[in-house]
Amino acid sequence: MSAKSTVVLPGDEIPASSLPKSPNKNRPLTLGPGLRHIPPNTIATTVAGALATDSRKNAAWIEYNSGRYLPITGDLVIATVQTSAAESFNCHITPNTPFATLPHLAFEGVTRKTRPQLTFNSLVYARILNAGKDTSPEITCANPSTGKSEGLGPLKGGMVFKISLGMARRLLAGRKGGVTVLDGLSEKVGFEVAIGRNGVLWVDGGSVKTTLAVGRAVQEVDEQALGEKGQKKVVERVLKNL
């Protein structure tokens, strides 16, 4: 499967350079969910999501708001601490995945004497370090190479909002994801966000009113699949009521 994901919107044309290159030249290209062939040579998307490819099968498809989240090495997630063992925390990522292991030392500047005191239901912004089919995932709040947090770590205050996996992908893709609601709100309102690939959005607007307004605005864009014009109307309405 392709190492990088390209976020696409309905109607986008997929360039030939983004399609898989099969070692077997006689194997035809297989189009999966979210893609269609427009004769003679155009491949276009029918849904918003992330382009995925498999060179071995010479297949391409769009990952979108369906199915359940499965941990993938490198993904950013928002996890909830459940218990603490001798050397690590056990964290909840989704209801359908085993608890993830978060070592006590997997934080920037932490030693055995200064390890973080995270209680039940504490939130952490983390990266999937290892994810295997038959093992529990391991997550970290620091870059193993540098020891720096790079924006990861405990999330204090704020509120969490459930979003679709597709919306999470789009938000993490920045401007390429086509989600402008947060940029529009940030021009007038100050807030912090963390986006988990597991379909969790954390928002801290400094007050309950602002936090709820920002989180619900993103959920509205997600649930109604709003485009740029629709998002602009949401921003205008939210700012008017704050």
Protein backbone atom coordinates (compact mmCIF):
# COMPACT_ATOMS: atom_id res chain seq x y z
CA MET A 1 0.00 0.00 0.00
CA SER A 2 1.15 3.53 -0.63
CA ALA A 3 3.14 5.08 2.21
CA LYS A 4 1.58 8.52 1.78
CA SER A 5 -2.10 9.38 1.56
CA THR A 6 -3.46 11.99 -0.82
CA VAL A 7 -6.72 13.57 0.31
CA VAL A 8 -9.24 13.93 -2.52
CA LEU A 9 -12.69 15.44 -2.96
CA PRO A 10 -15.61 14.25 -5.12
CA GLY A 11 -14.95 14.92 -8.80
CA ASP A 12 -11.17 15.15 -8.49
CA GLU A 13 -9.21 13.57 -11.33
CA ILE A 14 -6.45 11.19 -10.24
CA PRO A 15 -3.22 11.83 -12.17
CA ALA A 16 -1.49 8.84 -13.69
CA SER A 17 1.53 9.49 -11.45
CA SER A 18 -0.60 8.77 -8.37
CA LEU A 19 -1.87 5.42 -9.62
CA PRO A 20 -0.06 2.16 -8.74
CA LYS A 21 2.74 0.84 -10.91
CA SER A 22 2.41 -2.93 -11.05
CA PRO A 23 5.53 -5.03 -11.78
CA ASN A 24 3.26 -7.17 -13.96
CA LYS A 25 2.46 -5.07 -17.03
CA ASN A 26 -0.27 -7.52 -18.05
CA ARG A 27 -2.25 -7.03 -14.83
CA PRO A 28 -5.15 -4.61 -15.41
CA LEU A 29 -5.75 -1.70 -13.06
CA THR A 30 -8.47 -2.50 -10.53
CA LEU A 31 -10.59 0.40 -9.24
CA GLY A 32 -12.13 -0.01 -5.82
CA PRO A 33 -14.74 1.99 -3.87
CA GLY A 34 -14.76 5.74 -4.48
CA LEU A 35 -13.19 5.67 -7.95
CA ARG A 36 -14.70 5.47 -11.44
CA HIS A 37 -13.37 5.31 -14.98
CA ILE A 38 -14.46 8.01 -17.42
CA PRO A 39 -13.53 6.98 -20.98
CA PRO A 40 -11.10 7.14 -22.45
CA ASN A 41 -8.42 7.62 -19.77
CA THR A 42 -9.79 9.61 -16.84
CA ILE A 43 -9.98 8.22 -13.29
CA ALA A 44 -12.19 10.38 -11.05
CA THR A 45 -13.32 10.25 -7.44
CA THR A 46 -16.92 9.92 -6.29
CA VAL A 47 -16.38 10.51 -2.56
CA ALA A 48 -14.14 12.54 -0.24
CA GLY A 49 -11.37 10.59 1.40
CA ALA A 50 -7.78 9.42 1.04
CA LEU A 51 -6.39 7.77 -2.09
CA ALA A 52 -4.93 4.35 -1.31
CA THR A 53 -3.01 2.11 -3.72
CA ASP A 54 -1.55 -1.39 -3.81
CA SER A 55 1.13 -1.95 -6.46
CA ARG A 56 1.16 -5.71 -6.02
CA LYS A 57 -2.53 -5.98 -6.84
CA ASN A 58 -2.42 -2.98 -9.21
CA ALA A 59 -5.41 -1.59 -7.33
CA ALA A 60 -6.55 1.84 -6.20
CA TRP A 61 -9.45 2.94 -4.01
CA ILE A 62 -10.61 5.72 -1.69
CA GLU A 63 -10.64 5.30 2.06
CA TYR A 64 -13.59 7.28 3.38
CA ASN A 65 -16.11 7.41 6.22
CA SER A 66 -16.77 3.73 6.56
CA GLY A 67 -15.56 0.90 8.70
CA ARG A 68 -13.62 1.14 11.94
CA TYR A 69 -10.29 2.70 12.77
CA LEU A 70 -7.37 0.30 12.85
CA PRO A 71 -4.06 1.57 14.30
CA ILE A 72 -1.35 2.22 11.70
CA THR A 73 2.25 3.02 12.59
CA GLY A 74 2.81 6.77 12.38
CA ASP A 75 -0.81 7.81 12.93
CA LEU A 76 -1.61 10.61 15.37
CA VAL A 77 -4.29 9.63 17.88
CA ILE A 78 -6.02 11.00 20.95
CA ALA A 79 -5.96 8.29 23.59
CA THR A 80 -7.61 8.02 27.00
CA VAL A 81 -5.62 6.66 29.95
CA GLN A 82 -7.37 3.75 31.65
CA THR A 83 -4.84 2.23 34.04
CA SER A 84 -1.17 2.53 35.00
CA ALA A 85 1.12 -0.49 35.26
CA ALA A 86 4.69 -0.68 36.54
CA GLU A 87 6.32 0.71 33.39
CA SER A 88 3.48 1.99 31.22
CA PHE A 89 -0.04 3.32 30.92
CA ASN A 90 -2.83 1.35 29.28
CA CYS A 91 -4.75 3.64 26.94
CA HIS A 92 -8.04 3.40 25.09
CA ILE A 93 -7.96 4.37 21.38
CA THR A 94 -11.23 2.91 20.07
CA PRO A 95 -13.79 0.43 21.40
CA ASN A 96 -12.73 -2.16 18.82
CA THR A 97 -8.96 -2.14 19.42
CA PRO A 98 -6.92 -3.54 22.33
CA PHE A 99 -5.57 -1.12 24.91
CA ALA A 100 -2.49 0.72 23.63
CA THR A 101 0.69 0.71 25.69
CA LEU A 102 2.22 4.11 26.53
CA PRO A 103 5.56 3.75 28.36
CA HIS A 104 6.04 6.08 31.32
CA LEU A 105 9.28 7.30 29.73
CA ALA A 106 7.72 8.08 26.33
CA PHE A 107 7.48 11.81 27.09
CA GLU A 108 9.88 14.67 26.51
CA GLY A 109 12.34 15.24 29.37
CA VAL A 110 10.90 12.48 31.56
CA THR A 111 12.99 10.31 33.88
CA ARG A 112 11.97 7.49 36.21
CA LYS A 113 11.72 10.05 39.01
CA THR A 114 9.74 12.62 37.01
CA ARG A 115 7.37 10.42 35.02
CA PRO A 116 3.95 12.01 34.41
CA GLN A 117 1.13 11.35 36.84
CA LEU A 118 -1.78 10.57 34.55
CA THR A 119 -5.02 9.48 36.17
CA PHE A 120 -8.02 7.58 34.85
CA ASN A 121 -9.60 9.35 31.82
CA SER A 122 -6.60 11.64 31.25
CA LEU A 123 -6.17 12.48 27.57
CA VAL A 124 -2.91 12.27 25.64
CA TYR A 125 -2.03 13.27 22.09
CA ALA A 126 0.22 10.52 20.83
CA ARG A 127 1.67 8.82 17.78
CA ILE A 128 1.35 5.12 16.97
CA LEU A 129 4.88 3.74 17.37
CA ASN A 130 4.13 0.10 16.59
CA ALA A 131 0.96 -1.55 15.38
CA GLY A 132 0.71 -5.24 14.58
CA LYS A 133 -2.20 -7.55 13.82
CA ASP A 134 -1.57 -9.83 16.77
CA THR A 135 -0.13 -7.39 19.31
CA SER A 136 -1.40 -4.40 21.24
CA PRO A 137 -0.35 -1.09 19.69
CA GLU A 138 2.36 0.97 21.34
CA ILE A 139 2.08 4.76 21.37
CA THR A 140 4.50 7.54 22.26
CA CYS A 141 4.33 11.21 23.20
CA ALA A 142 7.88 11.93 22.04
CA ASN A 143 9.92 11.43 18.88
CA PRO A 144 12.11 8.37 19.59
CA SER A 145 14.95 9.88 17.53
CA THR A 146 15.07 13.31 19.17
CA GLY A 147 13.21 12.86 22.47
CA LYS A 148 11.19 16.00 21.64
CA SER A 149 7.43 16.12 22.10
CA GLU A 150 6.74 17.89 18.79
CA GLY A 151 3.30 18.93 20.02
CA LEU A 152 2.44 15.60 21.63
CA GLY A 153 1.70 14.96 25.29
CA PRO A 154 -1.09 15.30 27.87
CA LEU A 155 -4.14 17.32 26.85
CA LYS A 156 -5.36 19.38 29.77
CA GLY A 157 -8.77 21.04 29.87
CA GLY A 158 -10.83 21.39 26.74
CA MET A 159 -13.40 18.92 25.41
CA VAL A 160 -13.43 16.04 22.95
CA PHE A 161 -15.76 15.72 19.97
CA LYS A 162 -16.43 12.63 17.87
CA ILE A 163 -15.76 13.10 14.16
CA SER A 164 -15.69 10.70 11.23
CA LEU A 165 -12.47 9.05 10.15
CA GLY A 166 -12.70 10.88 6.84
CA MET A 167 -12.99 14.26 8.56
CA ALA A 168 -10.00 13.41 10.74
CA ARG A 169 -7.94 12.64 7.64
CA ARG A 170 -9.02 15.87 5.97
CA LEU A 171 -8.23 18.00 9.02
CA LEU A 172 -4.79 16.43 9.34
CA ALA A 173 -4.14 17.14 5.65
CA GLY A 174 -4.40 20.90 6.26
CA ARG A 175 -5.55 23.06 3.33
CA LYS A 176 -5.39 20.08 0.97
CA GLY A 177 -8.21 18.49 2.95
CA GLY A 178 -10.69 21.17 1.93
CA VAL A 179 -11.77 21.96 5.51
CA THR A 180 -11.69 25.72 6.07
CA VAL A 181 -13.99 26.09 9.07
CA LEU A 182 -11.17 26.15 11.65
CA ASP A 183 -9.16 28.70 9.65
CA GLY A 184 -12.22 30.92 9.40
CA LEU A 185 -12.99 30.75 13.11
CA SER A 186 -9.35 31.32 14.11
CA GLU A 187 -9.35 34.73 12.41
CA LYS A 188 -11.61 36.04 15.17
CA VAL A 189 -11.42 33.50 18.01
CA GLY A 190 -8.47 31.96 19.82
CA PHE A 191 -8.49 28.22 20.48
CA GLU A 192 -6.31 25.10 20.41
CA VAL A 193 -7.10 21.85 18.66
CA ALA A 194 -5.65 18.35 18.44
CA ILE A 195 -6.84 15.94 15.77
CA GLY A 196 -6.76 12.19 16.25
CA ARG A 197 -6.75 9.86 13.27
CA ASN A 198 -9.01 7.65 15.41
CA GLY A 199 -11.91 10.07 14.88
CA VAL A 200 -11.44 12.29 17.93
CA LEU A 201 -11.14 16.08 17.95
CA TRP A 202 -9.94 17.91 21.07
CA VAL A 203 -10.75 21.62 21.39
CA ASP A 204 -9.83 24.16 24.07
CA GLY A 205 -11.32 27.60 23.48
CA GLY A 206 -10.61 28.98 26.93
CA SER A 207 -14.32 28.87 27.84
CA VAL A 208 -17.08 26.29 27.59
CA LYS A 209 -19.06 28.45 25.15
CA THR A 210 -16.19 28.91 22.69
CA THR A 211 -15.04 25.31 23.00
CA LEU A 212 -18.52 23.97 22.26
CA ALA A 213 -19.00 26.39 19.36
CA VAL A 214 -15.77 25.35 17.65
CA GLY A 215 -16.26 21.62 18.19
CA ARG A 216 -19.87 21.61 17.05
CA ALA A 217 -19.01 23.69 14.00
CA VAL A 218 -16.56 21.01 12.86
CA GLN A 219 -19.12 18.29 13.54
CA GLU A 220 -21.72 20.17 11.49
CA VAL A 221 -19.35 20.46 8.52
CA ASP A 222 -18.57 16.76 8.88
CA GLU A 223 -22.13 15.49 9.22
CA GLN A 224 -23.53 17.64 6.40
CA ALA A 225 -20.47 17.27 4.12
CA LEU A 226 -20.37 21.03 3.64
CA GLY A 227 -18.21 22.57 0.95
CA GLU A 228 -16.42 25.91 1.09
CA LYS A 229 -19.58 28.03 0.84
CA GLY A 230 -21.37 26.01 3.47
CA GLN A 231 -18.40 26.21 5.81
CA LYS A 232 -18.26 29.97 5.36
CA LYS A 233 -21.90 30.25 6.45
CA VAL A 234 -21.17 28.13 9.52
CA VAL A 235 -18.24 30.38 10.44
CA GLU A 236 -20.36 33.52 10.04
CA ARG A 237 -23.16 32.11 12.20
CA VAL A 238 -20.84 30.89 14.94
CA LEU A 239 -18.91 34.16 15.15
CA LYS A 240 -22.19 36.11 15.29
CA ASN A 241 -23.33 34.10 18.30
CA LEU A 242 -20.06 34.26 20.26
